[in-house]
Amino acid sequence: MPIKITLDEALKKKHMTSKELCEKIGITEANMSILRSGKAKAIRFDTLSKICMFLECEPKDILQYETGEEENE
């Protein structure tokens, strides 16, 4: 997938664990794992907004478009 998730870097900058973020934004650790691994096919704007709010970042800080990546579908 040409979209790369860089959530781990944002978590490190805020000295926050993914478990802490899950509790704050109200998603399961399983869903967070899917998102962090890059296996998620979609993310709700509400969830993205909450992530950005608690990590004090912009969507561009955790989502990157990788040029040249082919879609495997």
C-alpha atoms as a PDB file:
ATOM      1  CA  MET A   1       0.000   0.000   0.000  1.00  0.00           C
ATOM      2  CA  PRO A   2       1.422   3.410  -0.882  1.00  0.00           C
ATOM      3  CA  ILE A   3       0.341   4.935   2.459  1.00  0.00           C
ATOM      4  CA  LYS A   4       2.912   4.426   5.217  1.00  0.00           C
ATOM      5  CA  ILE A   5       1.890   4.749   8.875  1.00  0.00           C
ATOM      6  CA  THR A   6       4.529   6.453  11.021  1.00  0.00           C
ATOM      7  CA  LEU A   7       2.588   6.337  14.269  1.00  0.00           C
ATOM      8  CA  ASP A   8       5.433   4.721  16.215  1.00  0.00           C
ATOM      9  CA  GLU A   9       7.675   7.751  15.681  1.00  0.00           C
ATOM     10  CA  ALA A  10       4.931  10.125  16.844  1.00  0.00           C
ATOM     11  CA  LEU A  11       4.332   7.997  19.959  1.00  0.00           C
ATOM     12  CA  LYS A  12       8.049   8.067  20.803  1.00  0.00           C
ATOM     13  CA  LYS A  13       8.185  11.858  20.456  1.00  0.00           C
ATOM     14  CA  LYS A  14       5.327  12.182  22.988  1.00  0.00           C
ATOM     15  CA  HIS A  15       6.771   9.471  25.276  1.00  0.00           C
ATOM     16  CA  MET A  16       3.453   7.617  25.054  1.00  0.00           C
ATOM     17  CA  THR A  17       2.737   3.926  24.604  1.00  0.00           C
ATOM     18  CA  SER A  18       0.227   2.653  22.087  1.00  0.00           C
ATOM     19  CA  LYS A  19      -1.771   1.231  24.999  1.00  0.00           C
ATOM     20  CA  GLU A  20      -2.040   4.700  26.567  1.00  0.00           C
ATOM     21  CA  LEU A  21      -3.145   6.163  23.247  1.00  0.00           C
ATOM     22  CA  CYS A  22      -5.762   3.416  22.833  1.00  0.00           C
ATOM     23  CA  GLU A  23      -7.257   4.283  26.198  1.00  0.00           C
ATOM     24  CA  LYS A  24      -7.365   7.993  25.349  1.00  0.00           C
ATOM     25  CA  ILE A  25      -8.952   7.635  21.906  1.00  0.00           C
ATOM     26  CA  GLY A  26     -11.205   4.679  22.677  1.00  0.00           C
ATOM     27  CA  ILE A  27     -10.001   1.954  20.309  1.00  0.00           C
ATOM     28  CA  THR A  28      -8.852  -1.575  21.059  1.00  0.00           C
ATOM     29  CA  GLU A  29      -5.199  -2.548  21.179  1.00  0.00           C
ATOM     30  CA  ALA A  30      -5.924  -5.030  18.376  1.00  0.00           C
ATOM     31  CA  ASN A  31      -7.160  -2.225  16.118  1.00  0.00           C
ATOM     32  CA  MET A  32      -4.166  -0.076  17.068  1.00  0.00           C
ATOM     33  CA  SER A  33      -1.865  -2.954  16.173  1.00  0.00           C
ATOM     34  CA  ILE A  34      -3.497  -3.262  12.744  1.00  0.00           C
ATOM     35  CA  LEU A  35      -3.081   0.462  12.204  1.00  0.00           C
ATOM     36  CA  ARG A  36       0.538   0.561  13.371  1.00  0.00           C
ATOM     37  CA  SER A  37       1.495  -2.435  11.236  1.00  0.00           C
ATOM     38  CA  GLY A  38       0.164  -0.786   8.097  1.00  0.00           C
ATOM     39  CA  LYS A  39      -2.420  -3.510   7.532  1.00  0.00           C
ATOM     40  CA  ALA A  40      -5.397  -1.193   8.033  1.00  0.00           C
ATOM     41  CA  LYS A  41      -7.358  -0.509   4.851  1.00  0.00           C
ATOM     42  CA  ALA A  42      -9.012   2.623   6.255  1.00  0.00           C
ATOM     43  CA  ILE A  43      -9.118   4.964   9.227  1.00  0.00           C
ATOM     44  CA  ARG A  44     -12.081   7.032  10.381  1.00  0.00           C
ATOM     45  CA  PHE A  45     -11.545  10.766  10.376  1.00  0.00           C
ATOM     46  CA  ASP A  46     -12.809  10.814  13.961  1.00  0.00           C
ATOM     47  CA  THR A  47     -10.087   8.360  15.009  1.00  0.00           C
ATOM     48  CA  LEU A  48      -7.429  10.249  13.057  1.00  0.00           C
ATOM     49  CA  SER A  49      -8.564  13.499  14.661  1.00  0.00           C
ATOM     50  CA  LYS A  50      -8.303  12.029  18.172  1.00  0.00           C
ATOM     51  CA  ILE A  51      -4.850  10.591  17.455  1.00  0.00           C
ATOM     52  CA  CYS A  52      -3.658  13.984  16.242  1.00  0.00           C
ATOM     53  CA  MET A  53      -5.200  15.744  19.222  1.00  0.00           C
ATOM     54  CA  PHE A  54      -3.511  13.531  21.822  1.00  0.00           C
ATOM     55  CA  LEU A  55      -0.177  13.348  19.997  1.00  0.00           C
ATOM     56  CA  GLU A  56      -0.316  17.075  19.187  1.00  0.00           C
ATOM     57  CA  CYS A  57       0.481  16.436  15.546  1.00  0.00           C
ATOM     58  CA  GLU A  58      -0.919  16.798  12.053  1.00  0.00           C
ATOM     59  CA  PRO A  59      -2.161  13.890   9.902  1.00  0.00           C
ATOM     60  CA  LYS A  60       0.922  14.356   7.699  1.00  0.00           C
ATOM     61  CA  ASP A  61       3.068  13.528  10.732  1.00  0.00           C
ATOM     62  CA  ILE A  62       1.654   9.995  10.956  1.00  0.00           C
ATOM     63  CA  LEU A  63       0.567   9.256   7.367  1.00  0.00           C
ATOM     64  CA  GLN A  64       2.985   9.367   4.448  1.00  0.00           C
ATOM     65  CA  TYR A  65       2.425   8.674   0.780  1.00  0.00           C
ATOM     66  CA  GLU A  66       5.158   6.470  -0.682  1.00  0.00           C
ATOM     67  CA  THR A  67       5.609   7.206  -4.375  1.00  0.00           C
ATOM     68  CA  GLY A  68       6.325   4.259  -6.590  1.00  0.00           C
ATOM     69  CA  GLU A  69       4.512   1.781  -4.356  1.00  0.00           C
ATOM     70  CA  GLU A  70       2.163  -0.469  -6.294  1.00  0.00           C
ATOM     71  CA  GLU A  71      -1.335  -1.307  -5.104  1.00  0.00           C
ATOM     72  CA  ASN A  72      -1.601  -5.118  -4.812  1.00  0.00           C
ATOM     73  CA  GLU A  73      -5.334  -5.344  -5.420  1.00  0.00           C
END
